[in-house]
C-alpha atoms as a PDB file:
ATOM      1  CA  UNK A   1       0.000   0.000   0.000  1.00  0.00           C
ATOM      2  CA  UNK A   2       0.830   3.628  -0.159  1.00  0.00           C
ATOM      3  CA  UNK A   3       1.071   5.645   3.050  1.00  0.00           C
ATOM      4  CA  UNK A   4       0.384   9.321   2.346  1.00  0.00           C
ATOM      5  CA  UNK A   5       1.265  10.204   5.934  1.00  0.00           C
ATOM      6  CA  UNK A   6       0.604  13.574   7.511  1.00  0.00           C
ATOM      7  CA  UNK A   7       2.463  15.522   4.837  1.00  0.00           C
ATOM      8  CA  UNK A   8      -0.530  17.438   3.510  1.00  0.00           C
ATOM      9  CA  UNK A   9      -4.253  17.788   3.107  1.00  0.00           C
ATOM     10  CA  UNK A  10      -6.526  14.851   2.372  1.00  0.00           C
ATOM     11  CA  UNK A  11     -10.049  15.406   1.084  1.00  0.00           C
ATOM     12  CA  UNK A  12     -13.103  13.143   0.873  1.00  0.00           C
ATOM     13  CA  UNK A  13     -15.439  13.879  -2.011  1.00  0.00           C
ATOM     14  CA  UNK A  14     -18.805  12.722  -3.295  1.00  0.00           C
ATOM     15  CA  UNK A  15     -19.809  13.306  -6.914  1.00  0.00           C
ATOM     16  CA  UNK A  16     -23.235  12.594  -8.399  1.00  0.00           C
ATOM     17  CA  UNK A  17     -22.576  11.291 -11.922  1.00  0.00           C
ATOM     18  CA  UNK A  18     -26.216  10.600 -12.877  1.00  0.00           C
ATOM     19  CA  UNK A  19     -29.188  12.404 -11.338  1.00  0.00           C
ATOM     20  CA  UNK A  20     -30.977  10.734  -8.449  1.00  0.00           C
ATOM     21  CA  UNK A  21     -34.630   9.867  -8.979  1.00  0.00           C
ATOM     22  CA  UNK A  22     -36.642   9.465  -5.812  1.00  0.00           C
ATOM     23  CA  UNK A  23     -40.323  10.020  -5.072  1.00  0.00           C
ATOM     24  CA  UNK A  24     -39.590  11.676  -1.720  1.00  0.00           C
ATOM     25  CA  UNK A  25     -36.830  12.136   0.788  1.00  0.00           C
ATOM     26  CA  UNK A  26     -33.133  12.602   0.164  1.00  0.00           C
ATOM     27  CA  UNK A  27     -29.782  11.285   1.304  1.00  0.00           C
ATOM     28  CA  UNK A  28     -26.938  11.776   3.749  1.00  0.00           C
ATOM     29  CA  UNK A  29     -23.403  10.775   2.752  1.00  0.00           C
ATOM     30  CA  UNK A  30     -21.057   9.317   5.333  1.00  0.00           C
ATOM     31  CA  UNK A  31     -17.367   8.476   5.545  1.00  0.00           C
ATOM     32  CA  UNK A  32     -16.616   5.630   7.942  1.00  0.00           C
ATOM     33  CA  UNK A  33     -13.970   3.141   8.972  1.00  0.00           C
ATOM     34  CA  UNK A  34     -14.221  -0.525   9.931  1.00  0.00           C
ATOM     35  CA  UNK A  35     -11.975  -3.447  10.850  1.00  0.00           C
ATOM     36  CA  UNK A  36     -14.140  -5.693   8.632  1.00  0.00           C
ATOM     37  CA  UNK A  37     -13.792  -5.571   4.812  1.00  0.00           C
ATOM     38  CA  UNK A  38     -17.568  -6.000   4.442  1.00  0.00           C
ATOM     39  CA  UNK A  39     -18.197  -2.875   6.537  1.00  0.00           C
ATOM     40  CA  UNK A  40     -20.496  -4.751   8.905  1.00  0.00           C
ATOM     41  CA  UNK A  41     -20.090  -2.377  11.854  1.00  0.00           C
ATOM     42  CA  UNK A  42     -18.591   0.863  10.572  1.00  0.00           C
ATOM     43  CA  UNK A  43     -17.688   3.816  12.770  1.00  0.00           C
ATOM     44  CA  UNK A  44     -18.856   7.005  11.043  1.00  0.00           C
ATOM     45  CA  UNK A  45     -16.150   9.668  11.044  1.00  0.00           C
ATOM     46  CA  UNK A  46     -17.791  12.367   8.902  1.00  0.00           C
ATOM     47  CA  UNK A  47     -21.235  12.921   7.436  1.00  0.00           C
ATOM     48  CA  UNK A  48     -22.906  15.482   5.220  1.00  0.00           C
ATOM     49  CA  UNK A  49     -26.130  17.314   5.857  1.00  0.00           C
ATOM     50  CA  UNK A  50     -29.292  15.791   4.398  1.00  0.00           C
ATOM     51  CA  UNK A  51     -29.678  16.651   0.720  1.00  0.00           C
ATOM     52  CA  UNK A  52     -33.061  16.589  -1.009  1.00  0.00           C
ATOM     53  CA  UNK A  53     -33.272  14.326  -4.060  1.00  0.00           C
ATOM     54  CA  UNK A  54     -33.880  17.373  -6.285  1.00  0.00           C
ATOM     55  CA  UNK A  55     -30.434  18.676  -5.268  1.00  0.00           C
ATOM     56  CA  UNK A  56     -28.668  15.465  -6.299  1.00  0.00           C
ATOM     57  CA  UNK A  57     -28.342  16.210 -10.019  1.00  0.00           C
ATOM     58  CA  UNK A  58     -25.450  15.155 -12.247  1.00  0.00           C
ATOM     59  CA  UNK A  59     -22.400  17.216 -11.329  1.00  0.00           C
ATOM     60  CA  UNK A  60     -23.410  17.834  -7.701  1.00  0.00           C
ATOM     61  CA  UNK A  61     -20.305  17.752  -5.507  1.00  0.00           C
ATOM     62  CA  UNK A  62     -19.755  17.480  -1.784  1.00  0.00           C
ATOM     63  CA  UNK A  63     -16.236  17.677  -0.378  1.00  0.00           C
ATOM     64  CA  UNK A  64     -14.695  18.082   3.034  1.00  0.00           C
ATOM     65  CA  UNK A  65     -11.167  18.000   4.357  1.00  0.00           C
ATOM     66  CA  UNK A  66     -10.280  15.058   6.579  1.00  0.00           C
ATOM     67  CA  UNK A  67      -9.050  16.021  10.028  1.00  0.00           C
ATOM     68  CA  UNK A  68      -5.540  14.689  10.656  1.00  0.00           C
ATOM     69  CA  UNK A  69      -6.432  13.391  14.105  1.00  0.00           C
ATOM     70  CA  UNK A  70      -9.097  10.869  13.114  1.00  0.00           C
ATOM     71  CA  UNK A  71      -8.431   7.264  14.110  1.00  0.00           C
ATOM     72  CA  UNK A  72      -8.774   4.958  11.127  1.00  0.00           C
ATOM     73  CA  UNK A  73      -9.272   1.206  11.161  1.00  0.00           C
ATOM     74  CA  UNK A  74      -8.079  -1.031   8.320  1.00  0.00           C
ATOM     75  CA  UNK A  75     -10.932  -0.318   5.871  1.00  0.00           C
ATOM     76  CA  UNK A  76     -12.669   2.867   4.735  1.00  0.00           C
ATOM     77  CA  UNK A  77     -16.399   2.793   4.000  1.00  0.00           C
ATOM     78  CA  UNK A  78     -18.619   5.130   1.960  1.00  0.00           C
ATOM     79  CA  UNK A  79     -22.137   5.255   3.398  1.00  0.00           C
ATOM     80  CA  UNK A  80     -25.307   6.549   1.789  1.00  0.00           C
ATOM     81  CA  UNK A  81     -28.307   6.844   4.084  1.00  0.00           C
ATOM     82  CA  UNK A  82     -31.392   7.145   1.899  1.00  0.00           C
ATOM     83  CA  UNK A  83     -34.394   8.807   3.530  1.00  0.00           C
ATOM     84  CA  UNK A  84     -38.062   7.904   2.966  1.00  0.00           C
ATOM     85  CA  UNK A  85     -38.130   6.251  -0.497  1.00  0.00           C
ATOM     86  CA  UNK A  86     -35.568   4.178  -2.416  1.00  0.00           C
ATOM     87  CA  UNK A  87     -33.747   5.664  -5.378  1.00  0.00           C
ATOM     88  CA  UNK A  88     -35.110   4.510  -8.722  1.00  0.00           C
ATOM     89  CA  UNK A  89     -32.117   5.953 -10.604  1.00  0.00           C
ATOM     90  CA  UNK A  90     -28.856   7.727  -9.955  1.00  0.00           C
ATOM     91  CA  UNK A  91     -25.174   7.014  -9.544  1.00  0.00           C
ATOM     92  CA  UNK A  92     -22.731   8.433  -7.058  1.00  0.00           C
ATOM     93  CA  UNK A  93     -18.975   8.049  -6.689  1.00  0.00           C
ATOM     94  CA  UNK A  94     -16.780   8.811  -3.727  1.00  0.00           C
ATOM     95  CA  UNK A  95     -13.073   8.937  -3.139  1.00  0.00           C
ATOM     96  CA  UNK A  96     -10.077  10.426  -1.407  1.00  0.00           C
ATOM     97  CA  UNK A  97      -7.835  13.001  -3.037  1.00  0.00           C
ATOM     98  CA  UNK A  98      -4.851  15.045  -1.915  1.00  0.00           C
ATOM     99  CA  UNK A  99      -6.155  18.183  -3.584  1.00  0.00           C
ATOM    100  CA  UNK A 100      -9.670  19.325  -4.425  1.00  0.00           C
ATOM    101  CA  UNK A 101     -10.850  21.122  -7.538  1.00  0.00           C
ATOM    102  CA  UNK A 102     -12.190  24.487  -6.455  1.00  0.00           C
ATOM    103  CA  UNK A 103     -13.530  25.721  -9.803  1.00  0.00           C
ATOM    104  CA  UNK A 104     -15.784  24.446 -12.559  1.00  0.00           C
ATOM    105  CA  UNK A 105     -14.284  23.305 -15.854  1.00  0.00           C
ATOM    106  CA  UNK A 106     -16.070  24.181 -19.078  1.00  0.00           C
ATOM    107  CA  UNK A 107     -15.715  22.777 -22.588  1.00  0.00           C
ATOM    108  CA  UNK A 108     -14.193  25.165 -25.119  1.00  0.00           C
ATOM    109  CA  UNK A 109     -16.654  27.228 -27.135  1.00  0.00           C
ATOM    110  CA  UNK A 110     -18.865  28.126 -24.167  1.00  0.00           C
ATOM    111  CA  UNK A 111     -19.096  31.648 -22.806  1.00  0.00           C
ATOM    112  CA  UNK A 112     -19.568  32.055 -19.080  1.00  0.00           C
ATOM    113  CA  UNK A 113     -21.016  35.452 -18.183  1.00  0.00           C
END
């Protein structure tokens, strides 16, 4: 494995890649750790606020910096707590990065006013 150590910032991000379809409710995203690879009893370290399904459109991003003093077990777990009704569509990805994109990227030929 690769140990990134305490040499710099580490960020956890969530990106909605296809819009969520849900009749009602929303979701909370969580970052957890567990000693079990299956994530059977994770300890939540960070969580987002509750987002309404209408907010979770393609391109929606949530990111937060990881505190250096968190205690991590062997495995990291991405949690999605879905409120009220199941999603009928939508895809979400999550990951860890050492730097976070702070601006939007646009294809050439588009004017942003």
